[in-house]
Amino acid sequence: MKKDERGQSMVETALLLPVFLLILVGIIDFGKLTYSYAHVHMAAQETVRIAGFGESDAAIKTFAQNYVHLGDKSKLEVVVTPNETKRKSGEYVTVKLRYPYQFITPLISKLFPSSFMIESDSTIRIE
């Protein structure tokens, strides 16, 4: 005697689909976070090279904002130490970049309600 199992696959799909979608979106979110960090890190390395040539703080910040393509450029924080009046040839300059990252995965965004800050810095000797 055969049982009627017509709705079994629909129930299994309805139970497992949200879990699979959450995992998929989490993987995409983690990949996006990794890409964003790598991009900010590369931007810090390129920006500190400009600072090493003795450019002004305004030129350094403009270069960093034009280099980073993650979204709103105005959210990028650029900190150059020491400032341009204290920089001398042969000393070191550090550029620190900070950019807010907003998670798209529902559960992770509940754990980090405010923006997660991606930070990277780089140091070079001034020519």
PDB file of N, CA and C in Angstrom:
ATOM      1  N   MET A   1       0.837  -1.165   0.000  1.00  0.00           N
ATOM      2  CA  MET A   1       0.000   0.000   0.000  1.00  0.00           C
ATOM      3  C   MET A   1       0.902   1.256   0.000  1.00  0.00           C
ATOM      4  N   LYS A   2       0.660   2.195  -0.920  1.00  0.00           N
ATOM      5  CA  LYS A   2       1.475   3.385  -1.099  1.00  0.00           C
ATOM      6  C   LYS A   2       0.862   4.571  -0.340  1.00  0.00           C
ATOM      7  N   LYS A   3       1.756   5.286   0.401  1.00  0.00           N
ATOM      8  CA  LYS A   3       1.291   6.474   1.132  1.00  0.00           C
ATOM      9  C   LYS A   3       1.243   7.677   0.185  1.00  0.00           C
ATOM     10  N   ASP A   4       0.411   8.641   0.506  1.00  0.00           N
ATOM     11  CA  ASP A   4       0.314   9.859  -0.283  1.00  0.00           C
ATOM     12  C   ASP A   4       1.385  10.843   0.215  1.00  0.00           C
ATOM     13  N   GLU A   5       2.424  11.108  -0.611  1.00  0.00           N
ATOM     14  CA  GLU A   5       3.550  11.971  -0.222  1.00  0.00           C
ATOM     15  C   GLU A   5       3.681  13.173  -1.144  1.00  0.00           C
ATOM     16  N   ARG A   6       2.586  13.665  -1.672  1.00  0.00           N
ATOM     17  CA  ARG A   6       2.650  14.760  -2.637  1.00  0.00           C
ATOM     18  C   ARG A   6       3.142  16.069  -2.035  1.00  0.00           C
ATOM     19  N   GLY A   7       2.899  16.361  -0.798  1.00  0.00           N
ATOM     20  CA  GLY A   7       3.277  17.636  -0.196  1.00  0.00           C
ATOM     21  C   GLY A   7       4.597  17.611   0.562  1.00  0.00           C
ATOM     22  N   GLN A   8       5.248  16.464   0.607  1.00  0.00           N
ATOM     23  CA  GLN A   8       6.465  16.332   1.396  1.00  0.00           C
ATOM     24  C   GLN A   8       7.583  17.238   0.888  1.00  0.00           C
ATOM     25  N   SER A   9       7.825  17.278  -0.392  1.00  0.00           N
ATOM     26  CA  SER A   9       8.911  18.095  -0.928  1.00  0.00           C
ATOM     27  C   SER A   9       8.621  19.584  -0.747  1.00  0.00           C
ATOM     28  N   MET A  10       7.364  19.984  -0.816  1.00  0.00           N
ATOM     29  CA  MET A  10       7.004  21.387  -0.590  1.00  0.00           C
ATOM     30  C   MET A  10       7.283  21.797   0.850  1.00  0.00           C
ATOM     31  N   VAL A  11       6.974  20.939   1.796  1.00  0.00           N
ATOM     32  CA  VAL A  11       7.224  21.242   3.206  1.00  0.00           C
ATOM     33  C   VAL A  11       8.724  21.314   3.479  1.00  0.00           C
ATOM     34  N   GLU A  12       9.484  20.363   2.925  1.00  0.00           N
ATOM     35  CA  GLU A  12      10.933  20.375   3.117  1.00  0.00           C
ATOM     36  C   GLU A  12      11.554  21.638   2.519  1.00  0.00           C
ATOM     37  N   THR A  13      11.101  22.027   1.345  1.00  0.00           N
ATOM     38  CA  THR A  13      11.602  23.244   0.711  1.00  0.00           C
ATOM     39  C   THR A  13      11.252  24.476   1.543  1.00  0.00           C
ATOM     40  N   ALA A  14      10.040  24.526   2.043  1.00  0.00           N
ATOM     41  CA  ALA A  14       9.607  25.666   2.856  1.00  0.00           C
ATOM     42  C   ALA A  14      10.405  25.768   4.154  1.00  0.00           C
ATOM     43  N   LEU A  15      10.833  24.654   4.695  1.00  0.00           N
ATOM     44  CA  LEU A  15      11.616  24.675   5.933  1.00  0.00           C
ATOM     45  C   LEU A  15      13.084  25.009   5.697  1.00  0.00           C
ATOM     46  N   LEU A  16      13.652  24.534   4.602  1.00  0.00           N
ATOM     47  CA  LEU A  16      15.087  24.701   4.375  1.00  0.00           C
ATOM     48  C   LEU A  16      15.456  25.926   3.547  1.00  0.00           C
ATOM     49  N   LEU A  17      14.550  26.433   2.732  1.00  0.00           N
ATOM     50  CA  LEU A  17      14.869  27.571   1.868  1.00  0.00           C
ATOM     51  C   LEU A  17      15.322  28.809   2.647  1.00  0.00           C
ATOM     52  N   PRO A  18      14.665  29.206   3.741  1.00  0.00           N
ATOM     53  CA  PRO A  18      15.163  30.377   4.482  1.00  0.00           C
ATOM     54  C   PRO A  18      16.574  30.180   5.021  1.00  0.00           C
ATOM     55  N   VAL A  19      16.890  28.978   5.460  1.00  0.00           N
ATOM     56  CA  VAL A  19      18.232  28.707   5.976  1.00  0.00           C
ATOM     57  C   VAL A  19      19.251  28.822   4.857  1.00  0.00           C
ATOM     58  N   PHE A  20      18.959  28.234   3.703  1.00  0.00           N
ATOM     59  CA  PHE A  20      19.881  28.316   2.571  1.00  0.00           C
ATOM     60  C   PHE A  20      20.057  29.750   2.091  1.00  0.00           C
ATOM     61  N   LEU A  21      18.987  30.526   2.046  1.00  0.00           N
ATOM     62  CA  LEU A  21      19.089  31.922   1.630  1.00  0.00           C
ATOM     63  C   LEU A  21      19.902  32.752   2.617  1.00  0.00           C
ATOM     64  N   LEU A  22      19.732  32.484   3.910  1.00  0.00           N
ATOM     65  CA  LEU A  22      20.513  33.190   4.927  1.00  0.00           C
ATOM     66  C   LEU A  22      21.999  32.874   4.792  1.00  0.00           C
ATOM     67  N   ILE A  23      22.322  31.627   4.539  1.00  0.00           N
ATOM     68  CA  ILE A  23      23.724  31.240   4.329  1.00  0.00           C
ATOM     69  C   ILE A  23      24.270  31.903   3.069  1.00  0.00           C
ATOM     70  N   LEU A  24      23.506  31.923   1.997  1.00  0.00           N
ATOM     71  CA  LEU A  24      23.944  32.527   0.748  1.00  0.00           C
ATOM     72  C   LEU A  24      24.197  34.022   0.912  1.00  0.00           C
ATOM     73  N   VAL A  25      23.272  34.714   1.541  1.00  0.00           N
ATOM     74  CA  VAL A  25      23.444  36.155   1.754  1.00  0.00           C
ATOM     75  C   VAL A  25      24.618  36.414   2.704  1.00  0.00           C
ATOM     76  N   GLY A  26      24.833  35.549   3.690  1.00  0.00           N
ATOM     77  CA  GLY A  26      25.974  35.683   4.584  1.00  0.00           C
ATOM     78  C   GLY A  26      27.286  35.535   3.848  1.00  0.00           C
ATOM     79  N   ILE A  27      27.354  34.593   2.918  1.00  0.00           N
ATOM     80  CA  ILE A  27      28.568  34.416   2.116  1.00  0.00           C
ATOM     81  C   ILE A  27      28.817  35.644   1.236  1.00  0.00           C
ATOM     82  N   ILE A  28      27.767  36.161   0.643  1.00  0.00           N
ATOM     83  CA  ILE A  28      27.899  37.367  -0.178  1.00  0.00           C
ATOM     84  C   ILE A  28      28.339  38.544   0.678  1.00  0.00           C
ATOM     85  N   ASP A  29      27.760  38.687   1.868  1.00  0.00           N
ATOM     86  CA  ASP A  29      28.107  39.774   2.778  1.00  0.00           C
ATOM     87  C   ASP A  29      29.570  39.678   3.219  1.00  0.00           C
ATOM     88  N   PHE A  30      30.026  38.487   3.535  1.00  0.00           N
ATOM     89  CA  PHE A  30      31.415  38.295   3.943  1.00  0.00           C
ATOM     90  C   PHE A  30      32.362  38.604   2.782  1.00  0.00           C
ATOM     91  N   GLY A  31      31.999  38.203   1.577  1.00  0.00           N
ATOM     92  CA  GLY A  31      32.820  38.521   0.412  1.00  0.00           C
ATOM     93  C   GLY A  31      32.883  40.012   0.155  1.00  0.00           C
ATOM     94  N   LYS A  32      31.759  40.687   0.326  1.00  0.00           N
ATOM     95  CA  LYS A  32      31.719  42.142   0.143  1.00  0.00           C
ATOM     96  C   LYS A  32      32.562  42.846   1.204  1.00  0.00           C
ATOM     97  N   LEU A  33      32.518  42.352   2.436  1.00  0.00           N
ATOM     98  CA  LEU A  33      33.337  42.919   3.507  1.00  0.00           C
ATOM     99  C   LEU A  33      34.819  42.716   3.220  1.00  0.00           C
ATOM    100  N   THR A  34      35.189  41.516   2.753  1.00  0.00           N
ATOM    101  CA  THR A  34      36.588  41.231   2.435  1.00  0.00           C
ATOM    102  C   THR A  34      37.077  42.124   1.300  1.00  0.00           C
ATOM    103  N   TYR A  35      36.257  42.294   0.270  1.00  0.00           N
ATOM    104  CA  TYR A  35      36.624  43.173  -0.834  1.00  0.00           C
ATOM    105  C   TYR A  35      36.772  44.616  -0.354  1.00  0.00           C
ATOM    106  N   SER A  36      35.852  45.079   0.480  1.00  0.00           N
ATOM    107  CA  SER A  36      35.909  46.450   0.974  1.00  0.00           C
ATOM    108  C   SER A  36      37.173  46.692   1.793  1.00  0.00           C
ATOM    109  N   TYR A  37      37.536  45.721   2.644  1.00  0.00           N
ATOM    110  CA  TYR A  37      38.756  45.879   3.432  1.00  0.00           C
ATOM    111  C   TYR A  37      39.984  45.915   2.524  1.00  0.00           C
ATOM    112  N   ALA A  38      40.038  45.026   1.541  1.00  0.00           N
ATOM    113  CA  ALA A  38      41.180  44.998   0.629  1.00  0.00           C
ATOM    114  C   ALA A  38      41.281  46.307  -0.153  1.00  0.00           C
ATOM    115  N   HIS A  39      40.141  46.851  -0.543  1.00  0.00           N
ATOM    116  CA  HIS A  39      40.129  48.111  -1.292  1.00  0.00           C
ATOM    117  C   HIS A  39      40.606  49.270  -0.417  1.00  0.00           C
ATOM    118  N   VAL A  40      40.139  49.337   0.819  1.00  0.00           N
ATOM    119  CA  VAL A  40      40.567  50.406   1.726  1.00  0.00           C
ATOM    120  C   VAL A  40      42.058  50.255   2.045  1.00  0.00           C
ATOM    121  N   HIS A  41      42.526  49.018   2.203  1.00  0.00           N
ATOM    122  CA  HIS A  41      43.946  48.785   2.476  1.00  0.00           C
ATOM    123  C   HIS A  41      44.809  49.256   1.302  1.00  0.00           C
ATOM    124  N   MET A  42      44.408  48.922   0.088  1.00  0.00           N
ATOM    125  CA  MET A  42      45.150  49.370  -1.095  1.00  0.00           C
ATOM    126  C   MET A  42      45.087  50.889  -1.227  1.00  0.00           C
ATOM    127  N   ALA A  43      43.955  51.476  -0.911  1.00  0.00           N
ATOM    128  CA  ALA A  43      43.832  52.934  -0.968  1.00  0.00           C
ATOM    129  C   ALA A  43      44.760  53.597   0.038  1.00  0.00           C
ATOM    130  N   ALA A  44      44.903  53.009   1.223  1.00  0.00           N
ATOM    131  CA  ALA A  44      45.823  53.565   2.220  1.00  0.00           C
ATOM    132  C   ALA A  44      47.259  53.504   1.719  1.00  0.00           C
ATOM    133  N   GLN A  45      47.630  52.412   1.075  1.00  0.00           N
ATOM    134  CA  GLN A  45      48.995  52.288   0.550  1.00  0.00           C
ATOM    135  C   GLN A  45      49.256  53.300  -0.571  1.00  0.00           C
ATOM    136  N   GLU A  46      48.297  53.490  -1.446  1.00  0.00           N
ATOM    137  CA  GLU A  46      48.476  54.449  -2.532  1.00  0.00           C
ATOM    138  C   GLU A  46      48.450  55.886  -2.023  1.00  0.00           C
ATOM    139  N   THR A  47      47.610  56.156  -1.039  1.00  0.00           N
ATOM    140  CA  THR A  47      47.497  57.509  -0.504  1.00  0.00           C
ATOM    141  C   THR A  47      48.757  57.905   0.253  1.00  0.00           C
ATOM    142  N   VAL A  48      49.354  56.977   0.984  1.00  0.00           N
ATOM    143  CA  VAL A  48      50.562  57.315   1.738  1.00  0.00           C
ATOM    144  C   VAL A  48      51.728  57.597   0.788  1.00  0.00           C
ATOM    145  N   ARG A  49      51.692  57.022  -0.398  1.00  0.00           N
ATOM    146  CA  ARG A  49      52.730  57.347  -1.375  1.00  0.00           C
ATOM    147  C   ARG A  49      52.647  58.811  -1.784  1.00  0.00           C
ATOM    148  N   ILE A  50      51.425  59.325  -1.923  1.00  0.00           N
ATOM    149  CA  ILE A  50      51.237  60.748  -2.239  1.00  0.00           C
ATOM    150  C   ILE A  50      51.768  61.598  -1.092  1.00  0.00           C
ATOM    151  N   ALA A  51      51.504  61.172   0.141  1.00  0.00           N
ATOM    152  CA  ALA A  51      51.996  61.909   1.310  1.00  0.00           C
ATOM    153  C   ALA A  51      53.520  61.873   1.365  1.00  0.00           C
ATOM    154  N   GLY A  52      54.126  60.783   0.920  1.00  0.00           N
ATOM    155  CA  GLY A  52      55.575  60.667   0.924  1.00  0.00           C
ATOM    156  C   GLY A  52      56.253  61.627  -0.035  1.00  0.00           C
ATOM    157  N   PHE A  53      55.514  62.110  -1.018  1.00  0.00           N
ATOM    158  CA  PHE A  53      56.067  63.087  -1.957  1.00  0.00           C
ATOM    159  C   PHE A  53      55.957  64.512  -1.433  1.00  0.00           C
ATOM    160  N   GLY A  54      55.380  64.684  -0.238  1.00  0.00           N
ATOM    161  CA  GLY A  54      55.304  66.010   0.379  1.00  0.00           C
ATOM    162  C   GLY A  54      54.060  66.798   0.006  1.00  0.00           C
ATOM    163  N   GLU A  55      53.015  66.139  -0.439  1.00  0.00           N
ATOM    164  CA  GLU A  55      51.773  66.841  -0.789  1.00  0.00           C
ATOM    165  C   GLU A  55      51.071  67.371   0.457  1.00  0.00           C
ATOM    166  N   SER A  56      50.164  68.312   0.261  1.00  0.00           N
ATOM    167  CA  SER A  56      49.411  68.887   1.376  1.00  0.00           C
ATOM    168  C   SER A  56      48.346  67.907   1.863  1.00  0.00           C
ATOM    169  N   ASP A  57      47.841  68.157   3.077  1.00  0.00           N
ATOM    170  CA  ASP A  57      46.797  67.298   3.635  1.00  0.00           C
ATOM    171  C   ASP A  57      45.534  67.310   2.776  1.00  0.00           C
ATOM    172  N   ALA A  58      45.193  68.469   2.233  1.00  0.00           N
ATOM    173  CA  ALA A  58      43.993  68.566   1.387  1.00  0.00           C
ATOM    174  C   ALA A  58      44.157  67.727   0.120  1.00  0.00           C
ATOM    175  N   ALA A  59      45.333  67.751  -0.483  1.00  0.00           N
ATOM    176  CA  ALA A  59      45.581  66.956  -1.688  1.00  0.00           C
ATOM    177  C   ALA A  59      45.545  65.468  -1.366  1.00  0.00           C
ATOM    178  N   ILE A  60      46.050  65.096  -0.198  1.00  0.00           N
ATOM    179  CA  ILE A  60      46.048  63.688   0.225  1.00  0.00           C
ATOM    180  C   ILE A  60      44.619  63.203   0.431  1.00  0.00           C
ATOM    181  N   LYS A  61      43.793  64.008   1.097  1.00  0.00           N
ATOM    182  CA  LYS A  61      42.404  63.624   1.346  1.00  0.00           C
ATOM    183  C   LYS A  61      41.611  63.548   0.042  1.00  0.00           C
ATOM    184  N   THR A  62      41.852  64.474  -0.860  1.00  0.00           N
ATOM    185  CA  THR A  62      41.169  64.449  -2.153  1.00  0.00           C
ATOM    186  C   THR A  62      41.545  63.207  -2.943  1.00  0.00           C
ATOM    187  N   PHE A  63      42.838  62.856  -2.936  1.00  0.00           N
ATOM    188  CA  PHE A  63      43.279  61.659  -3.639  1.00  0.00           C
ATOM    189  C   PHE A  63      42.609  60.416  -3.064  1.00  0.00           C
ATOM    190  N   ALA A  64      42.564  60.319  -1.739  1.00  0.00           N
ATOM    191  CA  ALA A  64      41.952  59.148  -1.096  1.00  0.00           C
ATOM    192  C   ALA A  64      40.471  59.057  -1.430  1.00  0.00           C
ATOM    193  N   GLN A  65      39.760  60.159  -1.405  1.00  0.00           N
ATOM    194  CA  GLN A  65      38.333  60.142  -1.711  1.00  0.00           C
ATOM    195  C   GLN A  65      38.071  59.796  -3.170  1.00  0.00           C
ATOM    196  N   ASN A  66      38.967  60.196  -4.053  1.00  0.00           N
ATOM    197  CA  ASN A  66      38.804  59.845  -5.467  1.00  0.00           C
ATOM    198  C   ASN A  66      39.201  58.396  -5.737  1.00  0.00           C
ATOM    199  N   TYR A  67      40.071  57.829  -4.914  1.00  0.00           N
ATOM    200  CA  TYR A  67      40.548  56.462  -5.122  1.00  0.00           C
ATOM    201  C   TYR A  67      39.546  55.418  -4.635  1.00  0.00           C
ATOM    202  N   VAL A  68      38.892  55.708  -3.514  1.00  0.00           N
ATOM    203  CA  VAL A  68      37.966  54.735  -2.918  1.00  0.00           C
ATOM    204  C   VAL A  68      36.627  54.787  -3.649  1.00  0.00           C
ATOM    205  N   HIS A  69      36.190  53.618  -4.146  1.00  0.00           N
ATOM    206  CA  HIS A  69      34.920  53.514  -4.879  1.00  0.00           C
ATOM    207  C   HIS A  69      34.019  52.498  -4.190  1.00  0.00           C
ATOM    208  N   LEU A  70      33.656  52.767  -2.959  1.00  0.00           N
ATOM    209  CA  LEU A  70      32.802  51.847  -2.209  1.00  0.00           C
ATOM    210  C   LEU A  70      31.414  52.402  -1.965  1.00  0.00           C
ATOM    211  N   GLY A  71      31.186  53.618  -2.297  1.00  0.00           N
ATOM    212  CA  GLY A  71      29.893  54.230  -2.034  1.00  0.00           C
ATOM    213  C   GLY A  71      30.057  55.725  -1.854  1.00  0.00           C
ATOM    214  N   ASP A  72      29.530  56.236  -0.762  1.00  0.00           N
ATOM    215  CA  ASP A  72      29.566  57.660  -0.471  1.00  0.00           C
ATOM    216  C   ASP A  72      30.984  58.080  -0.092  1.00  0.00           C
ATOM    217  N   LYS A  73      31.594  58.939  -0.895  1.00  0.00           N
ATOM    218  CA  LYS A  73      32.971  59.386  -0.645  1.00  0.00           C
ATOM    219  C   LYS A  73      33.080  60.246   0.616  1.00  0.00           C
ATOM    220  N   SER A  74      31.999  60.914   0.976  1.00  0.00           N
ATOM    221  CA  SER A  74      32.059  61.805   2.135  1.00  0.00           C
ATOM    222  C   SER A  74      32.176  61.033   3.454  1.00  0.00           C
ATOM    223  N   LYS A  75      31.861  59.735   3.448  1.00  0.00           N
ATOM    224  CA  LYS A  75      31.954  58.926   4.666  1.00  0.00           C
ATOM    225  C   LYS A  75      33.375  58.450   4.948  1.00  0.00           C
ATOM    226  N   LEU A  76      34.271  58.597   3.983  1.00  0.00           N
ATOM    227  CA  LEU A  76      35.650  58.170   4.158  1.00  0.00           C
ATOM    228  C   LEU A  76      36.378  59.155   5.071  1.00  0.00           C
ATOM    229  N   GLU A  77      36.958  58.633   6.145  1.00  0.00           N
ATOM    230  CA  GLU A  77      37.744  59.451   7.070  1.00  0.00           C
ATOM    231  C   GLU A  77      39.219  59.257   6.757  1.00  0.00           C
ATOM    232  N   VAL A  78      39.927  60.362   6.546  1.00  0.00           N
ATOM    233  CA  VAL A  78      41.355  60.326   6.244  1.00  0.00           C
ATOM    234  C   VAL A  78      42.084  61.091   7.331  1.00  0.00           C
ATOM    235  N   VAL A  79      43.011  60.398   8.007  1.00  0.00           N
ATOM    236  CA  VAL A  79      43.809  61.028   9.061  1.00  0.00           C
ATOM    237  C   VAL A  79      45.275  60.917   8.654  1.00  0.00           C
ATOM    238  N   VAL A  80      45.937  62.066   8.539  1.00  0.00           N
ATOM    239  CA  VAL A  80      47.349  62.101   8.170  1.00  0.00           C
ATOM    240  C   VAL A  80      48.129  62.596   9.382  1.00  0.00           C
ATOM    241  N   THR A  81      49.113  61.802   9.823  1.00  0.00           N
ATOM    242  CA  THR A  81      49.947  62.212  10.957  1.00  0.00           C
ATOM    243  C   THR A  81      51.413  62.074  10.578  1.00  0.00           C
ATOM    244  N   PRO A  82      52.228  63.006  10.902  1.00  0.00           N
ATOM    245  CA  PRO A  82      51.918  64.331  11.436  1.00  0.00           C
ATOM    246  C   PRO A  82      51.304  65.224  10.360  1.00  0.00           C
ATOM    247  N   ASN A  83      50.746  66.350  10.797  1.00  0.00           N
ATOM    248  CA  ASN A  83      50.118  67.230   9.812  1.00  0.00           C
ATOM    249  C   ASN A  83      51.194  67.901   8.954  1.00  0.00           C
ATOM    250  N   GLU A  84      50.761  68.581   7.906  1.00  0.00           N
ATOM    251  CA  GLU A  84      51.704  69.080   6.900  1.00  0.00           C
ATOM    252  C   GLU A  84      52.698  70.108   7.422  1.00  0.00           C
ATOM    253  N   THR A  85      52.371  70.813   8.492  1.00  0.00           N
ATOM    254  CA  THR A  85      53.318  71.804   9.022  1.00  0.00           C
ATOM    255  C   THR A  85      54.467  71.147   9.790  1.00  0.00           C
ATOM    256  N   LYS A  86      54.274  69.927  10.265  1.00  0.00           N
ATOM    257  CA  LYS A  86      55.304  69.246  11.042  1.00  0.00           C
ATOM    258  C   LYS A  86      56.071  68.195  10.245  1.00  0.00           C
ATOM    259  N   ARG A  87      55.713  67.980   8.997  1.00  0.00           N
ATOM    260  CA  ARG A  87      56.396  66.963   8.185  1.00  0.00           C
ATOM    261  C   ARG A  87      57.689  67.519   7.613  1.00  0.00           C
ATOM    262  N   LYS A  88      58.741  66.707   7.709  1.00  0.00           N
ATOM    263  CA  LYS A  88      60.033  67.075   7.147  1.00  0.00           C
ATOM    264  C   LYS A  88      60.591  65.898   6.377  1.00  0.00           C
ATOM    265  N   SER A  89      61.443  66.184   5.445  1.00  0.00           N
ATOM    266  CA  SER A  89      62.062  65.136   4.632  1.00  0.00           C
ATOM    267  C   SER A  89      62.872  64.194   5.514  1.00  0.00           C
ATOM    268  N   GLY A  90      62.735  62.903   5.274  1.00  0.00           N
ATOM    269  CA  GLY A  90      63.458  61.892   6.040  1.00  0.00           C
ATOM    270  C   GLY A  90      62.659  61.317   7.200  1.00  0.00           C
ATOM    271  N   GLU A  91      61.591  61.988   7.605  1.00  0.00           N
ATOM    272  CA  GLU A  91      60.741  61.481   8.678  1.00  0.00           C
ATOM    273  C   GLU A  91      59.618  60.616   8.076  1.00  0.00           C
ATOM    274  N   TYR A  92      58.820  60.039   8.950  1.00  0.00           N
ATOM    275  CA  TYR A  92      57.764  59.145   8.493  1.00  0.00           C
ATOM    276  C   TYR A  92      56.405  59.827   8.563  1.00  0.00           C
ATOM    277  N   VAL A  93      55.553  59.470   7.634  1.00  0.00           N
ATOM    278  CA  VAL A  93      54.176  59.956   7.612  1.00  0.00           C
ATOM    279  C   VAL A  93      53.256  58.738   7.569  1.00  0.00           C
ATOM    280  N   THR A  94      52.152  58.821   8.306  1.00  0.00           N
ATOM    281  CA  THR A  94      51.174  57.739   8.364  1.00  0.00           C
ATOM    282  C   THR A  94      49.827  58.249   7.887  1.00  0.00           C
ATOM    283  N   VAL A  95      49.194  57.469   7.047  1.00  0.00           N
ATOM    284  CA  VAL A  95      47.840  57.777   6.576  1.00  0.00           C
ATOM    285  C   VAL A  95      46.927  56.665   7.069  1.00  0.00           C
ATOM    286  N   LYS A  96      45.854  57.050   7.763  1.00  0.00           N
ATOM    287  CA  LYS A  96      44.869  56.097   8.275  1.00  0.00           C
ATOM    288  C   LYS A  96      43.533  56.378   7.602  1.00  0.00           C
ATOM    289  N   LEU A  97      42.942  55.341   7.019  1.00  0.00           N
ATOM    290  CA  LEU A  97      41.637  55.463   6.373  1.00  0.00           C
ATOM    291  C   LEU A  97      40.607  54.662   7.146  1.00  0.00           C
ATOM    292  N   ARG A  98      39.425  55.228   7.302  1.00  0.00           N
ATOM    293  CA  ARG A  98      38.299  54.556   7.966  1.00  0.00           C
ATOM    294  C   ARG A  98      37.065  54.739   7.091  1.00  0.00           C
ATOM    295  N   TYR A  99      36.349  53.619   6.892  1.00  0.00           N
ATOM    296  CA  TYR A  99      35.133  53.677   6.089  1.00  0.00           C
ATOM    297  C   TYR A  99      34.066  52.808   6.748  1.00  0.00           C
ATOM    298  N   PRO A 100      32.844  53.320   6.914  1.00  0.00           N
ATOM    299  CA  PRO A 100      31.793  52.510   7.541  1.00  0.00           C
ATOM    300  C   PRO A 100      31.247  51.458   6.585  1.00  0.00           C
ATOM    301  N   TYR A 101      31.016  50.269   7.118  1.00  0.00           N
ATOM    302  CA  TYR A 101      30.450  49.171   6.331  1.00  0.00           C
ATOM    303  C   TYR A 101      29.157  48.733   6.989  1.00  0.00           C
ATOM    304  N   GLN A 102      28.104  48.641   6.199  1.00  0.00           N
ATOM    305  CA  GLN A 102      26.808  48.209   6.707  1.00  0.00           C
ATOM    306  C   GLN A 102      26.523  46.799   6.207  1.00  0.00           C
ATOM    307  N   PHE A 103      26.304  45.869   7.132  1.00  0.00           N
ATOM    308  CA  PHE A 103      26.004  44.493   6.762  1.00  0.00           C
ATOM    309  C   PHE A 103      24.607  44.406   6.158  1.00  0.00           C
ATOM    310  N   ILE A 104      24.413  43.471   5.212  1.00  0.00           N
ATOM    311  CA  ILE A 104      23.098  43.280   4.607  1.00  0.00           C
ATOM    312  C   ILE A 104      22.409  42.030   5.129  1.00  0.00           C
ATOM    313  N   THR A 105      23.166  41.131   5.751  1.00  0.00           N
ATOM    314  CA  THR A 105      22.580  39.914   6.304  1.00  0.00           C
ATOM    315  C   THR A 105      21.768  40.268   7.544  1.00  0.00           C
ATOM    316  N   PRO A 106      20.517  39.811   7.637  1.00  0.00           N
ATOM    317  CA  PRO A 106      19.656  40.219   8.748  1.00  0.00           C
ATOM    318  C   PRO A 106      20.228  39.897  10.139  1.00  0.00           C
ATOM    319  N   LEU A 107      20.730  38.712  10.353  1.00  0.00           N
ATOM    320  CA  LEU A 107      21.220  38.362  11.684  1.00  0.00           C
ATOM    321  C   LEU A 107      22.505  39.094  12.046  1.00  0.00           C
ATOM    322  N   ILE A 108      23.398  39.254  11.091  1.00  0.00           N
ATOM    323  CA  ILE A 108      24.646  39.958  11.371  1.00  0.00           C
ATOM    324  C   ILE A 108      24.376  41.440  11.602  1.00  0.00           C
ATOM    325  N   SER A 109      23.439  42.019  10.848  1.00  0.00           N
ATOM    326  CA  SER A 109      23.129  43.431  11.052  1.00  0.00           C
ATOM    327  C   SER A 109      22.491  43.675  12.418  1.00  0.00           C
ATOM    328  N   LYS A 110      21.853  42.658  13.001  1.00  0.00           N
ATOM    329  CA  LYS A 110      21.319  42.788  14.367  1.00  0.00           C
ATOM    330  C   LYS A 110      22.451  42.772  15.391  1.00  0.00           C
ATOM    331  N   LEU A 111      23.520  42.008  15.105  1.00  0.00           N
ATOM    332  CA  LEU A 111      24.668  41.960  16.015  1.00  0.00           C
ATOM    333  C   LEU A 111      25.477  43.250  15.967  1.00  0.00           C
ATOM    334  N   PHE A 112      25.556  43.870  14.794  1.00  0.00           N
ATOM    335  CA  PHE A 112      26.280  45.127  14.610  1.00  0.00           C
ATOM    336  C   PHE A 112      25.299  46.189  14.141  1.00  0.00           C
ATOM    337  N   PRO A 113      24.508  46.768  15.063  1.00  0.00           N
ATOM    338  CA  PRO A 113      23.464  47.706  14.634  1.00  0.00           C
ATOM    339  C   PRO A 113      24.012  48.975  13.993  1.00  0.00           C
ATOM    340  N   SER A 114      25.130  49.477  14.491  1.00  0.00           N
ATOM    341  CA  SER A 114      25.715  50.647  13.853  1.00  0.00           C
ATOM    342  C   SER A 114      26.692  50.178  12.783  1.00  0.00           C
ATOM    343  N   SER A 115      27.191  51.095  12.018  1.00  0.00           N
ATOM    344  CA  SER A 115      28.098  50.739  10.940  1.00  0.00           C
ATOM    345  C   SER A 115      29.401  50.166  11.489  1.00  0.00           C
ATOM    346  N   PHE A 116      29.862  49.120  10.879  1.00  0.00           N
ATOM    347  CA  PHE A 116      31.134  48.493  11.212  1.00  0.00           C
ATOM    348  C   PHE A 116      32.215  49.285  10.482  1.00  0.00           C
ATOM    349  N   MET A 117      33.262  49.715  11.191  1.00  0.00           N
ATOM    350  CA  MET A 117      34.297  50.542  10.579  1.00  0.00           C
ATOM    351  C   MET A 117      35.417  49.676  10.020  1.00  0.00           C
ATOM    352  N   ILE A 118      35.704  49.866   8.755  1.00  0.00           N
ATOM    353  CA  ILE A 118      36.851  49.233   8.120  1.00  0.00           C
ATOM    354  C   ILE A 118      38.002  50.215   8.251  1.00  0.00           C
ATOM    355  N   GLU A 119      39.101  49.762   8.839  1.00  0.00           N
ATOM    356  CA  GLU A 119      40.240  50.647   9.072  1.00  0.00           C
ATOM    357  C   GLU A 119      41.509  50.051   8.471  1.00  0.00           C
ATOM    358  N   SER A 120      42.334  50.932   7.939  1.00  0.00           N
ATOM    359  CA  SER A 120      43.640  50.514   7.443  1.00  0.00           C
ATOM    360  C   SER A 120      44.562  51.721   7.507  1.00  0.00           C
ATOM    361  N   ASP A 121      45.824  51.456   7.786  1.00  0.00           N
ATOM    362  CA  ASP A 121      46.800  52.539   7.793  1.00  0.00           C
ATOM    363  C   ASP A 121      48.082  52.065   7.129  1.00  0.00           C
ATOM    364  N   SER A 122      48.871  53.030   6.718  1.00  0.00           N
ATOM    365  CA  SER A 122      50.138  52.743   6.059  1.00  0.00           C
ATOM    366  C   SER A 122      51.110  53.863   6.376  1.00  0.00           C
ATOM    367  N   THR A 123      52.387  53.501   6.470  1.00  0.00           N
ATOM    368  CA  THR A 123      53.430  54.471   6.819  1.00  0.00           C
ATOM    369  C   THR A 123      54.523  54.419   5.769  1.00  0.00           C
ATOM    370  N   ILE A 124      55.085  55.603   5.460  1.00  0.00           N
ATOM    371  CA  ILE A 124      56.172  55.705   4.488  1.00  0.00           C
ATOM    372  C   ILE A 124      57.099  56.841   4.906  1.00  0.00           C
ATOM    373  N   ARG A 125      58.296  56.767   4.434  1.00  0.00           N
ATOM    374  CA  ARG A 125      59.282  57.827   4.706  1.00  0.00           C
ATOM    375  C   ARG A 125      59.102  58.955   3.690  1.00  0.00           C
ATOM    376  N   ILE A 126      59.175  60.183   4.160  1.00  0.00           N
ATOM    377  CA  ILE A 126      58.993  61.344   3.305  1.00  0.00           C
ATOM    378  C   ILE A 126      60.275  61.598   2.510  1.00  0.00           C
ATOM    379  N   GLU A 127      60.126  61.810   1.225  1.00  0.00           N
ATOM    380  CA  GLU A 127      61.306  62.070   0.379  1.00  0.00           C
ATOM    381  C   GLU A 127      61.740  63.503   0.465  1.00  0.00           C
TER     382      GLU A 127
END
